[in-house]
């Protein structure tokens, strides 16, 4: 994890951190003609508040794969939002 420094978010000071993270993967792309999928780089930049709670984030996952045999670059850009952080979570069997 790398600390990137303070920034403003919603009129308040937030802090940016960056880490390697592939929230999703090219393996999840449901294309029948996409083969040999691989991740080549991934990063997640999070904004956290003064209490250390995540506010939002941006993720970039870069990869490659073959589309009908032709080598292609795959880039996935995501915006991440966090809700109900710190609230009780109940997990039950289905």
PDB file of N, CA and C in Angstrom:
ATOM      1  N   UNK A   1       0.852  -1.155   0.000  1.00  0.00           N
ATOM      2  CA  UNK A   1       0.000   0.000   0.000  1.00  0.00           C
ATOM      3  C   UNK A   1       0.903   1.225   0.000  1.00  0.00           C
ATOM      4  N   UNK A   2       0.491   2.236  -0.777  1.00  0.00           N
ATOM      5  CA  UNK A   2       1.238   3.485  -0.877  1.00  0.00           C
ATOM      6  C   UNK A   2       0.334   4.645  -0.483  1.00  0.00           C
ATOM      7  N   UNK A   3       0.825   5.488   0.400  1.00  0.00           N
ATOM      8  CA  UNK A   3       0.090   6.684   0.796  1.00  0.00           C
ATOM      9  C   UNK A   3       0.328   7.759  -0.258  1.00  0.00           C
ATOM     10  N   UNK A   4      -0.760   8.321  -0.827  1.00  0.00           N
ATOM     11  CA  UNK A   4      -0.648   9.323  -1.889  1.00  0.00           C
ATOM     12  C   UNK A   4      -0.888  10.748  -1.392  1.00  0.00           C
ATOM     13  N   UNK A   5      -1.315  10.892  -0.143  1.00  0.00           N
ATOM     14  CA  UNK A   5      -1.484  12.230   0.416  1.00  0.00           C
ATOM     15  C   UNK A   5      -2.940  12.644   0.574  1.00  0.00           C
ATOM     16  N   UNK A   6      -3.143  13.839   1.139  1.00  0.00           N
ATOM     17  CA  UNK A   6      -4.499  14.325   1.395  1.00  0.00           C
ATOM     18  C   UNK A   6      -5.131  14.905   0.130  1.00  0.00           C
ATOM     19  N   UNK A   7      -6.478  14.949   0.131  1.00  0.00           N
ATOM     20  CA  UNK A   7      -7.256  15.563  -0.941  1.00  0.00           C
ATOM     21  C   UNK A   7      -8.582  16.013  -0.344  1.00  0.00           C
ATOM     22  N   UNK A   8      -9.364  16.740  -1.096  1.00  0.00           N
ATOM     23  CA  UNK A   8     -10.689  17.165  -0.640  1.00  0.00           C
ATOM     24  C   UNK A   8     -11.754  16.254  -1.250  1.00  0.00           C
ATOM     25  N   UNK A   9     -12.701  15.830  -0.430  1.00  0.00           N
ATOM     26  CA  UNK A   9     -13.828  15.008  -0.882  1.00  0.00           C
ATOM     27  C   UNK A   9     -15.068  15.464  -0.137  1.00  0.00           C
ATOM     28  N   UNK A  10     -16.044  15.973  -0.855  1.00  0.00           N
ATOM     29  CA  UNK A  10     -17.266  16.449  -0.211  1.00  0.00           C
ATOM     30  C   UNK A  10     -17.013  17.603   0.739  1.00  0.00           C
ATOM     31  N   UNK A  11     -16.014  18.433   0.434  1.00  0.00           N
ATOM     32  CA  UNK A  11     -15.695  19.583   1.281  1.00  0.00           C
ATOM     33  C   UNK A  11     -14.868  19.257   2.513  1.00  0.00           C
ATOM     34  N   UNK A  12     -14.512  17.985   2.687  1.00  0.00           N
ATOM     35  CA  UNK A  12     -13.717  17.567   3.837  1.00  0.00           C
ATOM     36  C   UNK A  12     -12.394  16.983   3.373  1.00  0.00           C
ATOM     37  N   UNK A  13     -11.440  16.938   4.265  1.00  0.00           N
ATOM     38  CA  UNK A  13     -10.153  16.335   3.947  1.00  0.00           C
ATOM     39  C   UNK A  13     -10.275  14.813   3.967  1.00  0.00           C
ATOM     40  N   UNK A  14      -9.803  14.203   2.910  1.00  0.00           N
ATOM     41  CA  UNK A  14      -9.744  12.742   2.821  1.00  0.00           C
ATOM     42  C   UNK A  14      -8.302  12.379   2.482  1.00  0.00           C
ATOM     43  N   UNK A  15      -7.991  11.120   2.597  1.00  0.00           N
ATOM     44  CA  UNK A  15      -6.622  10.658   2.359  1.00  0.00           C
ATOM     45  C   UNK A  15      -6.643   9.569   1.289  1.00  0.00           C
ATOM     46  N   UNK A  16      -5.664   9.632   0.396  1.00  0.00           N
ATOM     47  CA  UNK A  16      -5.589   8.688  -0.713  1.00  0.00           C
ATOM     48  C   UNK A  16      -4.537   7.624  -0.454  1.00  0.00           C
ATOM     49  N   UNK A  17      -4.905   6.375  -0.702  1.00  0.00           N
ATOM     50  CA  UNK A  17      -3.954   5.277  -0.646  1.00  0.00           C
ATOM     51  C   UNK A  17      -4.121   4.444  -1.915  1.00  0.00           C
ATOM     52  N   UNK A  18      -3.037   3.839  -2.361  1.00  0.00           N
ATOM     53  CA  UNK A  18      -3.063   3.015  -3.565  1.00  0.00           C
ATOM     54  C   UNK A  18      -2.508   1.640  -3.266  1.00  0.00           C
ATOM     55  N   UNK A  19      -3.114   0.630  -3.881  1.00  0.00           N
ATOM     56  CA  UNK A  19      -2.645  -0.740  -3.692  1.00  0.00           C
ATOM     57  C   UNK A  19      -2.941  -1.554  -4.942  1.00  0.00           C
ATOM     58  N   UNK A  20      -2.253  -2.654  -5.078  1.00  0.00           N
ATOM     59  CA  UNK A  20      -2.560  -3.597  -6.146  1.00  0.00           C
ATOM     60  C   UNK A  20      -3.813  -4.352  -5.745  1.00  0.00           C
ATOM     61  N   UNK A  21      -4.812  -4.355  -6.619  1.00  0.00           N
ATOM     62  CA  UNK A  21      -6.055  -5.053  -6.318  1.00  0.00           C
ATOM     63  C   UNK A  21      -6.852  -5.232  -7.591  1.00  0.00           C
ATOM     64  N   UNK A  22      -7.247  -6.442  -7.870  1.00  0.00           N
ATOM     65  CA  UNK A  22      -8.087  -6.733  -9.025  1.00  0.00           C
ATOM     66  C   UNK A  22      -9.478  -7.100  -8.515  1.00  0.00           C
ATOM     67  N   UNK A  23     -10.329  -6.091  -8.382  1.00  0.00           N
ATOM     68  CA  UNK A  23     -11.688  -6.313  -7.891  1.00  0.00           C
ATOM     69  C   UNK A  23     -12.436  -7.256  -8.826  1.00  0.00           C
ATOM     70  N   UNK A  24     -12.239  -7.054 -10.104  1.00  0.00           N
ATOM     71  CA  UNK A  24     -12.783  -7.955 -11.124  1.00  0.00           C
ATOM     72  C   UNK A  24     -11.624  -8.392 -12.004  1.00  0.00           C
ATOM     73  N   UNK A  25     -11.864  -9.397 -12.811  1.00  0.00           N
ATOM     74  CA  UNK A  25     -10.805  -9.974 -13.625  1.00  0.00           C
ATOM     75  C   UNK A  25     -11.293 -10.180 -15.053  1.00  0.00           C
ATOM     76  N   UNK A  26     -10.385 -10.117 -16.023  1.00  0.00           N
ATOM     77  CA  UNK A  26     -10.782 -10.460 -17.387  1.00  0.00           C
ATOM     78  C   UNK A  26     -11.369 -11.869 -17.477  1.00  0.00           C
ATOM     79  N   UNK A  27     -11.081 -12.721 -16.495  1.00  0.00           N
ATOM     80  CA  UNK A  27     -11.647 -14.073 -16.478  1.00  0.00           C
ATOM     81  C   UNK A  27     -13.168 -14.040 -16.337  1.00  0.00           C
ATOM     82  N   UNK A  28     -13.703 -12.920 -15.841  1.00  0.00           N
ATOM     83  CA  UNK A  28     -15.138 -12.804 -15.609  1.00  0.00           C
ATOM     84  C   UNK A  28     -15.898 -12.325 -16.846  1.00  0.00           C
ATOM     85  N   UNK A  29     -15.201 -11.964 -17.906  1.00  0.00           N
ATOM     86  CA  UNK A  29     -15.863 -11.479 -19.119  1.00  0.00           C
ATOM     87  C   UNK A  29     -16.519 -12.669 -19.819  1.00  0.00           C
ATOM     88  N   UNK A  30     -17.844 -12.634 -19.992  1.00  0.00           N
ATOM     89  CA  UNK A  30     -18.556 -13.795 -20.540  1.00  0.00           C
ATOM     90  C   UNK A  30     -18.577 -13.814 -22.074  1.00  0.00           C
ATOM     91  N   UNK A  31     -17.411 -13.828 -22.689  1.00  0.00           N
ATOM     92  CA  UNK A  31     -17.340 -13.876 -24.152  1.00  0.00           C
ATOM     93  C   UNK A  31     -16.775 -15.226 -24.571  1.00  0.00           C
ATOM     94  N   UNK A  32     -17.502 -15.928 -25.379  1.00  0.00           N
ATOM     95  CA  UNK A  32     -17.078 -17.255 -25.811  1.00  0.00           C
ATOM     96  C   UNK A  32     -15.845 -17.246 -26.694  1.00  0.00           C
ATOM     97  N   UNK A  33     -15.601 -16.116 -27.379  1.00  0.00           N
ATOM     98  CA  UNK A  33     -14.445 -16.045 -28.270  1.00  0.00           C
ATOM     99  C   UNK A  33     -13.232 -15.385 -27.609  1.00  0.00           C
ATOM    100  N   UNK A  34     -13.281 -15.139 -26.298  1.00  0.00           N
ATOM    101  CA  UNK A  34     -12.164 -14.549 -25.553  1.00  0.00           C
ATOM    102  C   UNK A  34     -11.434 -15.654 -24.804  1.00  0.00           C
ATOM    103  N   UNK A  35     -10.179 -15.872 -25.153  1.00  0.00           N
ATOM    104  CA  UNK A  35      -9.381 -16.936 -24.542  1.00  0.00           C
ATOM    105  C   UNK A  35      -8.057 -16.355 -24.040  1.00  0.00           C
ATOM    106  N   UNK A  36      -7.312 -17.163 -23.321  1.00  0.00           N
ATOM    107  CA  UNK A  36      -5.983 -16.804 -22.803  1.00  0.00           C
ATOM    108  C   UNK A  36      -5.994 -15.475 -22.052  1.00  0.00           C
ATOM    109  N   UNK A  37      -6.984 -15.292 -21.204  1.00  0.00           N
ATOM    110  CA  UNK A  37      -7.123 -14.061 -20.421  1.00  0.00           C
ATOM    111  C   UNK A  37      -6.072 -14.008 -19.325  1.00  0.00           C
ATOM    112  N   UNK A  38      -5.522 -12.834 -19.091  1.00  0.00           N
ATOM    113  CA  UNK A  38      -4.525 -12.666 -18.022  1.00  0.00           C
ATOM    114  C   UNK A  38      -4.526 -11.214 -17.562  1.00  0.00           C
ATOM    115  N   UNK A  39      -4.258 -11.007 -16.274  1.00  0.00           N
ATOM    116  CA  UNK A  39      -4.095  -9.664 -15.714  1.00  0.00           C
ATOM    117  C   UNK A  39      -2.622  -9.291 -15.828  1.00  0.00           C
ATOM    118  N   UNK A  40      -2.344  -8.093 -16.348  1.00  0.00           N
ATOM    119  CA  UNK A  40      -0.964  -7.620 -16.447  1.00  0.00           C
ATOM    120  C   UNK A  40      -0.648  -6.525 -15.429  1.00  0.00           C
ATOM    121  N   UNK A  41      -1.684  -5.803 -14.949  1.00  0.00           N
ATOM    122  CA  UNK A  41      -1.467  -4.758 -13.944  1.00  0.00           C
ATOM    123  C   UNK A  41      -2.810  -4.455 -13.287  1.00  0.00           C
ATOM    124  N   UNK A  42      -2.767  -4.071 -12.029  1.00  0.00           N
ATOM    125  CA  UNK A  42      -3.994  -3.685 -11.336  1.00  0.00           C
ATOM    126  C   UNK A  42      -3.666  -2.702 -10.235  1.00  0.00           C
ATOM    127  N   UNK A  43      -4.569  -1.728 -10.060  1.00  0.00           N
ATOM    128  CA  UNK A  43      -4.391  -0.802  -8.938  1.00  0.00           C
ATOM    129  C   UNK A  43      -5.747  -0.305  -8.481  1.00  0.00           C
ATOM    130  N   UNK A  44      -5.817  -0.034  -7.204  1.00  0.00           N
ATOM    131  CA  UNK A  44      -7.004   0.512  -6.567  1.00  0.00           C
ATOM    132  C   UNK A  44      -6.563   1.722  -5.755  1.00  0.00           C
ATOM    133  N   UNK A  45      -7.167   2.872  -6.041  1.00  0.00           N
ATOM    134  CA  UNK A  45      -6.902   4.089  -5.270  1.00  0.00           C
ATOM    135  C   UNK A  45      -8.138   4.348  -4.418  1.00  0.00           C
ATOM    136  N   UNK A  46      -7.954   4.338  -3.098  1.00  0.00           N
ATOM    137  CA  UNK A  46      -9.053   4.551  -2.157  1.00  0.00           C
ATOM    138  C   UNK A  46      -8.960   5.919  -1.525  1.00  0.00           C
ATOM    139  N   UNK A  47     -10.114   6.528  -1.286  1.00  0.00           N
ATOM    140  CA  UNK A  47     -10.211   7.731  -0.463  1.00  0.00           C
ATOM    141  C   UNK A  47     -10.745   7.275   0.883  1.00  0.00           C
ATOM    142  N   UNK A  48     -10.042   7.621   1.946  1.00  0.00           N
ATOM    143  CA  UNK A  48     -10.484   7.257   3.292  1.00  0.00           C
ATOM    144  C   UNK A  48     -10.620   8.516   4.132  1.00  0.00           C
ATOM    145  N   UNK A  49     -11.499   8.462   5.118  1.00  0.00           N
ATOM    146  CA  UNK A  49     -11.686   9.625   5.986  1.00  0.00           C
ATOM    147  C   UNK A  49     -10.684   9.599   7.136  1.00  0.00           C
ATOM    148  N   UNK A  50     -10.774  10.594   8.000  1.00  0.00           N
ATOM    149  CA  UNK A  50      -9.828  10.716   9.117  1.00  0.00           C
ATOM    150  C   UNK A  50      -9.919   9.551  10.097  1.00  0.00           C
ATOM    151  N   UNK A  51     -11.056   8.830  10.100  1.00  0.00           N
ATOM    152  CA  UNK A  51     -11.229   7.670  10.976  1.00  0.00           C
ATOM    153  C   UNK A  51     -10.763   6.372  10.317  1.00  0.00           C
ATOM    154  N   UNK A  52     -10.305   6.458   9.063  1.00  0.00           N
ATOM    155  CA  UNK A  52      -9.834   5.271   8.357  1.00  0.00           C
ATOM    156  C   UNK A  52     -10.917   4.509   7.621  1.00  0.00           C
ATOM    157  N   UNK A  53     -12.119   5.072   7.532  1.00  0.00           N
ATOM    158  CA  UNK A  53     -13.214   4.405   6.820  1.00  0.00           C
ATOM    159  C   UNK A  53     -13.153   4.756   5.337  1.00  0.00           C
ATOM    160  N   UNK A  54     -13.341   3.761   4.455  1.00  0.00           N
ATOM    161  CA  UNK A  54     -13.297   4.039   3.019  1.00  0.00           C
ATOM    162  C   UNK A  54     -14.515   4.845   2.579  1.00  0.00           C
ATOM    163  N   UNK A  55     -14.285   5.821   1.683  1.00  0.00           N
ATOM    164  CA  UNK A  55     -15.363   6.642   1.141  1.00  0.00           C
ATOM    165  C   UNK A  55     -15.689   6.245  -0.299  1.00  0.00           C
ATOM    166  N   UNK A  56     -14.649   6.136  -1.111  1.00  0.00           N
ATOM    167  CA  UNK A  56     -14.831   5.772  -2.510  1.00  0.00           C
ATOM    168  C   UNK A  56     -13.483   5.305  -3.057  1.00  0.00           C
ATOM    169  N   UNK A  57     -13.510   4.857  -4.283  1.00  0.00           N
ATOM    170  CA  UNK A  57     -12.269   4.412  -4.889  1.00  0.00           C
ATOM    171  C   UNK A  57     -12.397   4.302  -6.394  1.00  0.00           C
ATOM    172  N   UNK A  58     -11.253   4.201  -7.040  1.00  0.00           N
ATOM    173  CA  UNK A  58     -11.196   3.947  -8.475  1.00  0.00           C
ATOM    174  C   UNK A  58     -10.230   2.792  -8.690  1.00  0.00           C
ATOM    175  N   UNK A  59     -10.631   1.882  -9.540  1.00  0.00           N
ATOM    176  CA  UNK A  59      -9.797   0.721  -9.833  1.00  0.00           C
ATOM    177  C   UNK A  59      -9.524   0.669 -11.327  1.00  0.00           C
ATOM    178  N   UNK A  60      -8.307   0.297 -11.686  1.00  0.00           N
ATOM    179  CA  UNK A  60      -7.940   0.059 -13.077  1.00  0.00           C
ATOM    180  C   UNK A  60      -7.281  -1.301 -13.149  1.00  0.00           C
ATOM    181  N   UNK A  61      -7.870  -2.175 -13.948  1.00  0.00           N
ATOM    182  CA  UNK A  61      -7.330  -3.518 -14.142  1.00  0.00           C
ATOM    183  C   UNK A  61      -6.979  -3.636 -15.617  1.00  0.00           C
ATOM    184  N   UNK A  62      -5.718  -3.928 -15.905  1.00  0.00           N
ATOM    185  CA  UNK A  62      -5.251  -4.071 -17.280  1.00  0.00           C
ATOM    186  C   UNK A  62      -4.892  -5.529 -17.504  1.00  0.00           C
ATOM    187  N   UNK A  63      -5.252  -6.018 -18.655  1.00  0.00           N
ATOM    188  CA  UNK A  63      -4.964  -7.409 -18.960  1.00  0.00           C
ATOM    189  C   UNK A  63      -4.826  -7.624 -20.449  1.00  0.00           C
ATOM    190  N   UNK A  64      -4.809  -8.885 -20.819  1.00  0.00           N
ATOM    191  CA  UNK A  64      -4.751  -9.232 -22.233  1.00  0.00           C
ATOM    192  C   UNK A  64      -5.527 -10.520 -22.443  1.00  0.00           C
ATOM    193  N   UNK A  65      -5.888 -10.742 -23.670  1.00  0.00           N
ATOM    194  CA  UNK A  65      -6.589 -11.967 -24.037  1.00  0.00           C
ATOM    195  C   UNK A  65      -6.644 -12.068 -25.543  1.00  0.00           C
ATOM    196  N   UNK A  66      -7.055 -13.199 -26.009  1.00  0.00           N
ATOM    197  CA  UNK A  66      -7.196 -13.401 -27.455  1.00  0.00           C
ATOM    198  C   UNK A  66      -8.677 -13.396 -27.807  1.00  0.00           C
ATOM    199  N   UNK A  67      -9.043 -12.526 -28.743  1.00  0.00           N
ATOM    200  CA  UNK A  67     -10.405 -12.440 -29.248  1.00  0.00           C
ATOM    201  C   UNK A  67     -10.383 -13.061 -30.643  1.00  0.00           C
ATOM    202  N   UNK A  68     -11.020 -14.213 -30.765  1.00  0.00           N
ATOM    203  CA  UNK A  68     -10.994 -14.974 -32.026  1.00  0.00           C
ATOM    204  C   UNK A  68      -9.556 -15.169 -32.503  1.00  0.00           C
ATOM    205  N   UNK A  69      -8.641 -15.419 -31.559  1.00  0.00           N
ATOM    206  CA  UNK A  69      -7.245 -15.687 -31.873  1.00  0.00           C
ATOM    207  C   UNK A  69      -6.355 -14.457 -31.913  1.00  0.00           C
ATOM    208  N   UNK A  70      -6.921 -13.266 -32.033  1.00  0.00           N
ATOM    209  CA  UNK A  70      -6.146 -12.016 -32.131  1.00  0.00           C
ATOM    210  C   UNK A  70      -5.853 -11.484 -30.717  1.00  0.00           C
ATOM    211  N   UNK A  71      -4.578 -11.222 -30.408  1.00  0.00           N
ATOM    212  CA  UNK A  71      -4.192 -10.700 -29.100  1.00  0.00           C
ATOM    213  C   UNK A  71      -4.725  -9.282 -28.919  1.00  0.00           C
ATOM    214  N   UNK A  72      -5.411  -9.043 -27.788  1.00  0.00           N
ATOM    215  CA  UNK A  72      -6.018  -7.749 -27.499  1.00  0.00           C
ATOM    216  C   UNK A  72      -5.695  -7.320 -26.076  1.00  0.00           C
ATOM    217  N   UNK A  73      -5.593  -6.013 -25.884  1.00  0.00           N
ATOM    218  CA  UNK A  73      -5.457  -5.470 -24.532  1.00  0.00           C
ATOM    219  C   UNK A  73      -6.856  -5.315 -23.947  1.00  0.00           C
ATOM    220  N   UNK A  74      -6.981  -5.584 -22.658  1.00  0.00           N
ATOM    221  CA  UNK A  74      -8.248  -5.432 -21.942  1.00  0.00           C
ATOM    222  C   UNK A  74      -8.018  -4.435 -20.811  1.00  0.00           C
ATOM    223  N   UNK A  75      -8.839  -3.390 -20.758  1.00  0.00           N
ATOM    224  CA  UNK A  75      -8.736  -2.401 -19.682  1.00  0.00           C
ATOM    225  C   UNK A  75     -10.104  -2.275 -19.026  1.00  0.00           C
ATOM    226  N   UNK A  76     -10.141  -2.456 -17.707  1.00  0.00           N
ATOM    227  CA  UNK A  76     -11.374  -2.335 -16.932  1.00  0.00           C
ATOM    228  C   UNK A  76     -11.180  -1.174 -15.956  1.00  0.00           C
ATOM    229  N   UNK A  77     -12.033  -0.147 -16.054  1.00  0.00           N
ATOM    230  CA  UNK A  77     -12.013   0.986 -15.129  1.00  0.00           C
ATOM    231  C   UNK A  77     -13.289   0.948 -14.307  1.00  0.00           C
ATOM    232  N   UNK A  78     -13.148   1.040 -12.987  1.00  0.00           N
ATOM    233  CA  UNK A  78     -14.297   0.964 -12.081  1.00  0.00           C
ATOM    234  C   UNK A  78     -14.295   2.122 -11.097  1.00  0.00           C
ATOM    235  N   UNK A  79     -15.475   2.560 -10.730  1.00  0.00           N
ATOM    236  CA  UNK A  79     -15.643   3.487  -9.610  1.00  0.00           C
ATOM    237  C   UNK A  79     -16.304   2.686  -8.498  1.00  0.00           C
ATOM    238  N   UNK A  80     -15.749   2.782  -7.301  1.00  0.00           N
ATOM    239  CA  UNK A  80     -16.210   1.992  -6.162  1.00  0.00           C
ATOM    240  C   UNK A  80     -16.783   2.933  -5.103  1.00  0.00           C
ATOM    241  N   UNK A  81     -17.960   2.573  -4.582  1.00  0.00           N
ATOM    242  CA  UNK A  81     -18.592   3.346  -3.520  1.00  0.00           C
ATOM    243  C   UNK A  81     -18.844   2.416  -2.342  1.00  0.00           C
ATOM    244  N   UNK A  82     -18.676   2.927  -1.146  1.00  0.00           N
ATOM    245  CA  UNK A  82     -18.876   2.138   0.070  1.00  0.00           C
ATOM    246  C   UNK A  82     -20.091   2.664   0.811  1.00  0.00           C
ATOM    247  N   UNK A  83     -20.962   1.748   1.201  1.00  0.00           N
ATOM    248  CA  UNK A  83     -22.166   2.099   1.962  1.00  0.00           C
ATOM    249  C   UNK A  83     -22.201   1.284   3.245  1.00  0.00           C
ATOM    250  N   UNK A  84     -22.778   1.840   4.262  1.00  0.00           N
ATOM    251  CA  UNK A  84     -23.013   1.140   5.529  1.00  0.00           C
ATOM    252  C   UNK A  84     -21.732   0.573   6.146  1.00  0.00           C
ATOM    253  N   UNK A  85     -20.623   1.266   5.975  1.00  0.00           N
ATOM    254  CA  UNK A  85     -19.351   0.821   6.568  1.00  0.00           C
ATOM    255  C   UNK A  85     -19.451   0.888   8.079  1.00  0.00           C
ATOM    256  N   UNK A  86     -19.064  -0.182   8.745  1.00  0.00           N
ATOM    257  CA  UNK A  86     -19.087  -0.225  10.193  1.00  0.00           C
ATOM    258  C   UNK A  86     -20.393  -0.753  10.781  1.00  0.00           C
ATOM    259  N   UNK A  87     -21.385  -1.001   9.928  1.00  0.00           N
ATOM    260  CA  UNK A  87     -22.651  -1.527  10.430  1.00  0.00           C
ATOM    261  C   UNK A  87     -22.558  -3.045  10.566  1.00  0.00           C
ATOM    262  N   UNK A  88     -23.390  -3.585  11.420  1.00  0.00           N
ATOM    263  CA  UNK A  88     -23.418  -5.016  11.686  1.00  0.00           C
ATOM    264  C   UNK A  88     -23.827  -5.768  10.414  1.00  0.00           C
ATOM    265  N   UNK A  89     -23.154  -6.870  10.168  1.00  0.00           N
ATOM    266  CA  UNK A  89     -23.457  -7.727   9.016  1.00  0.00           C
ATOM    267  C   UNK A  89     -23.898  -9.087   9.547  1.00  0.00           C
ATOM    268  N   UNK A  90     -25.025  -9.575   9.047  1.00  0.00           N
ATOM    269  CA  UNK A  90     -25.506 -10.898   9.424  1.00  0.00           C
ATOM    270  C   UNK A  90     -25.395 -11.818   8.218  1.00  0.00           C
ATOM    271  N   UNK A  91     -24.753 -12.947   8.415  1.00  0.00           N
ATOM    272  CA  UNK A  91     -24.589 -13.933   7.344  1.00  0.00           C
ATOM    273  C   UNK A  91     -25.366 -15.180   7.737  1.00  0.00           C
ATOM    274  N   UNK A  92     -26.227 -15.623   6.822  1.00  0.00           N
ATOM    275  CA  UNK A  92     -27.047 -16.815   7.084  1.00  0.00           C
ATOM    276  C   UNK A  92     -26.946 -17.767   5.911  1.00  0.00           C
ATOM    277  N   UNK A  93     -27.088 -19.040   6.214  1.00  0.00           N
ATOM    278  CA  UNK A  93     -27.075 -20.064   5.158  1.00  0.00           C
ATOM    279  C   UNK A  93     -28.283 -19.869   4.257  1.00  0.00           C
ATOM    280  N   UNK A  94     -28.144 -20.115   2.960  1.00  0.00           N
ATOM    281  CA  UNK A  94     -29.285 -19.954   2.042  1.00  0.00           C
ATOM    282  C   UNK A  94     -30.358 -21.007   2.273  1.00  0.00           C
TER     283      UNK A  94
END
